[in-house]
Amino acid sequence: MRLKLILLDADVIIEAYRIGIWLDLIGRVQIAVPSIVAHDEALFYSEEEGRIPQQINLPKLIQKGEICELMASDIEMGDLYSKFDRVFVEGLHEGEAEAIALIYAQKAEGYKFCTGDKVAIQSLAMIGYSSEGISMEKLLSNVGLQKNLSHQFTESYFKKWLGIGKKRLITGNGLSKSST
């Protein structure tokens, strides 16, 4: 029975596929992906296979009911972007922004967002939702799939950038003037 609710960024999906645990992860947690990730960002092309690997063909997995798709409205995306200054927003990829907008709009209740992107991790803290994020390392440990991971997917990396995001929340660095 899959109990954990996880909202994944494209980088985590590709890494899980690369290290050979993607199908195991789907079997152990209820996975949702932002619409932008499902249809744009995770269209990972494998030179070895000459196409998108079928295991991570997200639209097909959604169609088969193996993973869920969540979508933020334009208004919800705008609400999120309005929290940050222009320079900070430029570092936030659209799929990550959609995931964080879903959390901020409380449309992903119960889900933890898993990413290895430092700007996305910081942004969670900067909007006061630090507890809604999880590192890939911690996620895999929680479901019995421990693996050696690239540094950006480790718990120490996640905590470091979450801490920096918390400092930015206090100082206002990266936040829009209307948010401070």
C-alpha atoms as a PDB file:
ATOM      1  CA  MET A   1       0.000   0.000   0.000  1.00  0.00           C
ATOM      2  CA  ARG A   2       1.445   3.359  -1.043  1.00  0.00           C
ATOM      3  CA  LEU A   3       0.943   5.892   1.717  1.00  0.00           C
ATOM      4  CA  LYS A   4       3.565   8.597   1.211  1.00  0.00           C
ATOM      5  CA  LEU A   5       2.516  11.467  -1.033  1.00  0.00           C
ATOM      6  CA  ILE A   6       5.459  12.869  -2.986  1.00  0.00           C
ATOM      7  CA  LEU A   7       5.500  15.742  -5.483  1.00  0.00           C
ATOM      8  CA  LEU A   8       8.565  15.255  -7.698  1.00  0.00           C
ATOM      9  CA  ASP A   9      10.734  17.620  -9.665  1.00  0.00           C
ATOM     10  CA  ALA A  10      12.159  16.502 -13.022  1.00  0.00           C
ATOM     11  CA  ASP A  11      15.716  16.205 -11.668  1.00  0.00           C
ATOM     12  CA  VAL A  12      14.637  13.599  -9.098  1.00  0.00           C
ATOM     13  CA  ILE A  13      12.707  11.589 -11.688  1.00  0.00           C
ATOM     14  CA  ILE A  14      15.682  11.485 -14.036  1.00  0.00           C
ATOM     15  CA  GLU A  15      18.087  10.586 -11.207  1.00  0.00           C
ATOM     16  CA  ALA A  16      15.778   7.810  -9.961  1.00  0.00           C
ATOM     17  CA  TYR A  17      15.667   6.413 -13.497  1.00  0.00           C
ATOM     18  CA  ARG A  18      19.438   6.790 -13.915  1.00  0.00           C
ATOM     19  CA  ILE A  19      20.216   4.817 -10.733  1.00  0.00           C
ATOM     20  CA  GLY A  20      17.628   2.144 -11.509  1.00  0.00           C
ATOM     21  CA  ILE A  21      15.029   2.702  -8.778  1.00  0.00           C
ATOM     22  CA  TRP A  22      12.260   4.594 -10.596  1.00  0.00           C
ATOM     23  CA  LEU A  23       9.856   1.661 -10.893  1.00  0.00           C
ATOM     24  CA  ASP A  24      10.499   0.643  -7.261  1.00  0.00           C
ATOM     25  CA  LEU A  25       9.786   4.218  -6.159  1.00  0.00           C
ATOM     26  CA  ILE A  26       6.484   4.282  -8.066  1.00  0.00           C
ATOM     27  CA  GLY A  27       5.531   1.073  -6.263  1.00  0.00           C
ATOM     28  CA  ARG A  28       6.313   2.442  -2.800  1.00  0.00           C
ATOM     29  CA  VAL A  29       4.989   6.011  -2.806  1.00  0.00           C
ATOM     30  CA  GLN A  30       2.102   7.882  -4.386  1.00  0.00           C
ATOM     31  CA  ILE A  31       3.832  10.182  -6.844  1.00  0.00           C
ATOM     32  CA  ALA A  32       2.454  13.385  -8.293  1.00  0.00           C
ATOM     33  CA  VAL A  33       4.189  15.622 -10.790  1.00  0.00           C
ATOM     34  CA  PRO A  34       3.466  19.207 -11.758  1.00  0.00           C
ATOM     35  CA  SER A  35       1.865  19.493 -15.185  1.00  0.00           C
ATOM     36  CA  ILE A  36       4.857  21.410 -16.559  1.00  0.00           C
ATOM     37  CA  VAL A  37       7.199  18.623 -15.445  1.00  0.00           C
ATOM     38  CA  ALA A  38       4.929  15.976 -16.955  1.00  0.00           C
ATOM     39  CA  HIS A  39       4.665  17.599 -20.353  1.00  0.00           C
ATOM     40  CA  ASP A  40       7.848  19.641 -20.778  1.00  0.00           C
ATOM     41  CA  GLU A  41      10.699  19.292 -18.327  1.00  0.00           C
ATOM     42  CA  ALA A  42      10.884  15.523 -17.874  1.00  0.00           C
ATOM     43  CA  LEU A  43      10.849  14.710 -21.560  1.00  0.00           C
ATOM     44  CA  PHE A  44      14.314  13.287 -20.994  1.00  0.00           C
ATOM     45  CA  TYR A  45      15.818  12.016 -24.199  1.00  0.00           C
ATOM     46  CA  SER A  46      18.089   9.012 -23.864  1.00  0.00           C
ATOM     47  CA  GLU A  47      20.787   8.837 -26.514  1.00  0.00           C
ATOM     48  CA  GLU A  48      21.218   5.149 -25.694  1.00  0.00           C
ATOM     49  CA  GLU A  49      17.553   4.392 -26.337  1.00  0.00           C
ATOM     50  CA  GLY A  50      17.106   7.007 -29.067  1.00  0.00           C
ATOM     51  CA  ARG A  51      13.893   8.263 -27.446  1.00  0.00           C
ATOM     52  CA  ILE A  52      12.240   9.040 -24.117  1.00  0.00           C
ATOM     53  CA  PRO A  53      12.657   5.897 -21.991  1.00  0.00           C
ATOM     54  CA  GLN A  54       9.214   4.332 -21.547  1.00  0.00           C
ATOM     55  CA  GLN A  55       9.772   3.922 -17.794  1.00  0.00           C
ATOM     56  CA  ILE A  56       9.795   7.722 -17.402  1.00  0.00           C
ATOM     57  CA  ASN A  57       7.293   8.628 -20.091  1.00  0.00           C
ATOM     58  CA  LEU A  58       5.251  10.680 -17.625  1.00  0.00           C
ATOM     59  CA  PRO A  59       2.190  11.334 -19.806  1.00  0.00           C
ATOM     60  CA  LYS A  60       1.793   7.572 -20.323  1.00  0.00           C
ATOM     61  CA  LEU A  61       2.296   6.864 -16.607  1.00  0.00           C
ATOM     62  CA  ILE A  62      -0.374   9.465 -15.803  1.00  0.00           C
ATOM     63  CA  GLN A  63      -2.734   7.983 -18.395  1.00  0.00           C
ATOM     64  CA  LYS A  64      -2.251   4.515 -16.857  1.00  0.00           C
ATOM     65  CA  GLY A  65      -2.910   5.902 -13.350  1.00  0.00           C
ATOM     66  CA  GLU A  66       0.545   4.991 -12.052  1.00  0.00           C
ATOM     67  CA  ILE A  67       1.350   8.592 -11.099  1.00  0.00           C
ATOM     68  CA  CYS A  68      -0.804  11.719 -10.695  1.00  0.00           C
ATOM     69  CA  GLU A  69      -0.594  15.096 -12.391  1.00  0.00           C
ATOM     70  CA  LEU A  70      -1.259  18.335 -10.500  1.00  0.00           C
ATOM     71  CA  MET A  71      -1.713  21.707 -12.179  1.00  0.00           C
ATOM     72  CA  ALA A  72      -1.433  25.224 -10.812  1.00  0.00           C
ATOM     73  CA  SER A  73      -3.540  27.973 -12.365  1.00  0.00           C
ATOM     74  CA  ASP A  74      -2.019  31.079 -13.920  1.00  0.00           C
ATOM     75  CA  ILE A  75      -3.261  33.043 -10.903  1.00  0.00           C
ATOM     76  CA  GLU A  76      -1.555  30.633  -8.486  1.00  0.00           C
ATOM     77  CA  MET A  77       1.677  30.849 -10.481  1.00  0.00           C
ATOM     78  CA  GLY A  78       1.437  34.651 -10.447  1.00  0.00           C
ATOM     79  CA  ASP A  79       0.821  34.662  -6.695  1.00  0.00           C
ATOM     80  CA  LEU A  80       3.991  32.644  -6.168  1.00  0.00           C
ATOM     81  CA  TYR A  81       6.118  34.720  -8.538  1.00  0.00           C
ATOM     82  CA  SER A  82       4.931  37.910  -6.813  1.00  0.00           C
ATOM     83  CA  LYS A  83       6.603  36.724  -3.591  1.00  0.00           C
ATOM     84  CA  PHE A  84      10.100  36.913  -5.108  1.00  0.00           C
ATOM     85  CA  ASP A  85      12.213  39.562  -6.787  1.00  0.00           C
ATOM     86  CA  ARG A  86      12.921  39.309 -10.508  1.00  0.00           C
ATOM     87  CA  VAL A  87      16.492  38.032 -10.090  1.00  0.00           C
ATOM     88  CA  PHE A  88      15.435  35.192  -7.783  1.00  0.00           C
ATOM     89  CA  VAL A  89      12.515  34.189 -10.037  1.00  0.00           C
ATOM     90  CA  GLU A  90      14.894  33.854 -12.996  1.00  0.00           C
ATOM     91  CA  GLY A  91      16.669  31.003 -11.161  1.00  0.00           C
ATOM     92  CA  LEU A  92      13.458  29.072 -10.574  1.00  0.00           C
ATOM     93  CA  HIS A  93      12.525  26.619 -13.339  1.00  0.00           C
ATOM     94  CA  GLU A  94       8.868  26.528 -14.379  1.00  0.00           C
ATOM     95  CA  GLY A  95       8.225  22.972 -13.154  1.00  0.00           C
ATOM     96  CA  GLU A  96       9.696  23.757  -9.750  1.00  0.00           C
ATOM     97  CA  ALA A  97       7.703  26.973  -9.611  1.00  0.00           C
ATOM     98  CA  GLU A  98       4.506  25.078 -10.385  1.00  0.00           C
ATOM     99  CA  ALA A  99       5.208  22.549  -7.621  1.00  0.00           C
ATOM    100  CA  ILE A 100       5.874  25.329  -5.123  1.00  0.00           C
ATOM    101  CA  ALA A 101       2.803  27.272  -6.315  1.00  0.00           C
ATOM    102  CA  LEU A 102       0.704  24.155  -5.662  1.00  0.00           C
ATOM    103  CA  ILE A 103       2.092  23.960  -2.126  1.00  0.00           C
ATOM    104  CA  TYR A 104       1.657  27.700  -1.554  1.00  0.00           C
ATOM    105  CA  ALA A 105      -1.960  27.557  -2.809  1.00  0.00           C
ATOM    106  CA  GLN A 106      -2.542  24.494  -0.596  1.00  0.00           C
ATOM    107  CA  LYS A 107      -3.482  22.349  -3.597  1.00  0.00           C
ATOM    108  CA  ALA A 108      -0.901  19.683  -2.732  1.00  0.00           C
ATOM    109  CA  GLU A 109      -1.982  19.062   0.840  1.00  0.00           C
ATOM    110  CA  GLY A 110      -0.133  16.148   2.384  1.00  0.00           C
ATOM    111  CA  TYR A 111       2.495  16.059  -0.370  1.00  0.00           C
ATOM    112  CA  LYS A 112       6.205  16.621   0.231  1.00  0.00           C
ATOM    113  CA  PHE A 113       8.117  18.286  -2.600  1.00  0.00           C
ATOM    114  CA  CYS A 114      11.314  16.474  -3.543  1.00  0.00           C
ATOM    115  CA  THR A 115      13.956  18.333  -5.554  1.00  0.00           C
ATOM    116  CA  GLY A 116      17.709  18.690  -5.794  1.00  0.00           C
ATOM    117  CA  ASP A 117      17.578  22.281  -7.046  1.00  0.00           C
ATOM    118  CA  LYS A 118      19.012  24.825  -4.611  1.00  0.00           C
ATOM    119  CA  VAL A 119      16.798  27.708  -5.767  1.00  0.00           C
ATOM    120  CA  ALA A 120      13.654  25.590  -5.403  1.00  0.00           C
ATOM    121  CA  ILE A 121      14.745  24.420  -1.950  1.00  0.00           C
ATOM    122  CA  GLN A 122      15.391  28.004  -0.842  1.00  0.00           C
ATOM    123  CA  SER A 123      12.047  29.169  -2.190  1.00  0.00           C
ATOM    124  CA  LEU A 124      10.180  26.688   0.023  1.00  0.00           C
ATOM    125  CA  ALA A 125      11.773  28.283   3.078  1.00  0.00           C
ATOM    126  CA  MET A 126      11.260  31.800   1.749  1.00  0.00           C
ATOM    127  CA  ILE A 127       7.481  31.319   1.605  1.00  0.00           C
ATOM    128  CA  GLY A 128       7.354  29.622   5.011  1.00  0.00           C
ATOM    129  CA  TYR A 129       6.890  26.043   3.798  1.00  0.00           C
ATOM    130  CA  SER A 130      10.208  24.436   4.814  1.00  0.00           C
ATOM    131  CA  SER A 131       8.412  21.446   6.283  1.00  0.00           C
ATOM    132  CA  GLU A 132       6.832  20.638   2.897  1.00  0.00           C
ATOM    133  CA  GLY A 133      10.144  19.628   1.315  1.00  0.00           C
ATOM    134  CA  ILE A 134      12.184  16.429   1.453  1.00  0.00           C
ATOM    135  CA  SER A 135      15.569  15.446   0.053  1.00  0.00           C
ATOM    136  CA  MET A 136      15.808  12.509  -2.300  1.00  0.00           C
ATOM    137  CA  GLU A 137      18.175  10.824   0.152  1.00  0.00           C
ATOM    138  CA  LYS A 138      15.656  11.056   2.996  1.00  0.00           C
ATOM    139  CA  LEU A 139      12.787   9.957   0.748  1.00  0.00           C
ATOM    140  CA  LEU A 140      14.676   6.868  -0.408  1.00  0.00           C
ATOM    141  CA  SER A 141      15.763   6.051   3.138  1.00  0.00           C
ATOM    142  CA  ASN A 142      12.160   6.319   4.358  1.00  0.00           C
ATOM    143  CA  VAL A 143      10.983   3.769   1.786  1.00  0.00           C
ATOM    144  CA  GLY A 144      13.940   1.370   2.005  1.00  0.00           C
ATOM    145  CA  LEU A 145      15.663   2.323  -1.239  1.00  0.00           C
ATOM    146  CA  GLN A 146      18.974   3.713   0.059  1.00  0.00           C
ATOM    147  CA  LYS A 147      21.439   4.494  -2.720  1.00  0.00           C
ATOM    148  CA  ASN A 148      24.588   6.532  -3.191  1.00  0.00           C
ATOM    149  CA  LEU A 149      23.414   9.776  -4.752  1.00  0.00           C
ATOM    150  CA  SER A 150      24.927  12.833  -6.388  1.00  0.00           C
ATOM    151  CA  HIS A 151      25.576  15.546  -3.783  1.00  0.00           C
ATOM    152  CA  GLN A 152      22.591  17.680  -4.836  1.00  0.00           C
ATOM    153  CA  PHE A 153      20.211  14.916  -3.752  1.00  0.00           C
ATOM    154  CA  THR A 154      21.653  14.439  -0.243  1.00  0.00           C
ATOM    155  CA  GLU A 155      20.046  15.437   3.033  1.00  0.00           C
ATOM    156  CA  SER A 156      23.007  17.687   3.931  1.00  0.00           C
ATOM    157  CA  TYR A 157      22.642  19.616   0.654  1.00  0.00           C
ATOM    158  CA  PHE A 158      18.896  19.983   1.180  1.00  0.00           C
ATOM    159  CA  LYS A 159      19.342  21.250   4.753  1.00  0.00           C
ATOM    160  CA  LYS A 160      22.084  23.678   3.698  1.00  0.00           C
ATOM    161  CA  TRP A 161      19.909  25.361   1.063  1.00  0.00           C
ATOM    162  CA  LEU A 162      16.820  25.269   3.268  1.00  0.00           C
ATOM    163  CA  GLY A 163      18.859  27.125   5.907  1.00  0.00           C
ATOM    164  CA  ILE A 164      19.949  29.718   3.363  1.00  0.00           C
ATOM    165  CA  GLY A 165      16.315  30.151   2.311  1.00  0.00           C
ATOM    166  CA  LYS A 166      15.301  30.700   5.946  1.00  0.00           C
ATOM    167  CA  LYS A 167      17.955  33.423   6.258  1.00  0.00           C
ATOM    168  CA  ARG A 168      16.662  35.031   3.059  1.00  0.00           C
ATOM    169  CA  LEU A 169      13.151  35.036   4.526  1.00  0.00           C
ATOM    170  CA  ILE A 170      14.446  36.948   7.544  1.00  0.00           C
ATOM    171  CA  THR A 171      16.605  39.399   5.576  1.00  0.00           C
ATOM    172  CA  GLY A 172      14.206  39.788   2.646  1.00  0.00           C
ATOM    173  CA  ASN A 173      17.010  38.993   0.173  1.00  0.00           C
ATOM    174  CA  GLY A 174      15.334  37.576  -2.952  1.00  0.00           C
ATOM    175  CA  LEU A 175      11.827  38.533  -1.876  1.00  0.00           C
ATOM    176  CA  SER A 176       9.800  41.170  -3.690  1.00  0.00           C
ATOM    177  CA  LYS A 177       9.423  44.524  -1.974  1.00  0.00           C
ATOM    178  CA  SER A 178       5.721  43.813  -1.403  1.00  0.00           C
ATOM    179  CA  SER A 179       6.590  40.572   0.439  1.00  0.00           C
ATOM    180  CA  THR A 180       8.971  42.135   2.959  1.00  0.00           C
END
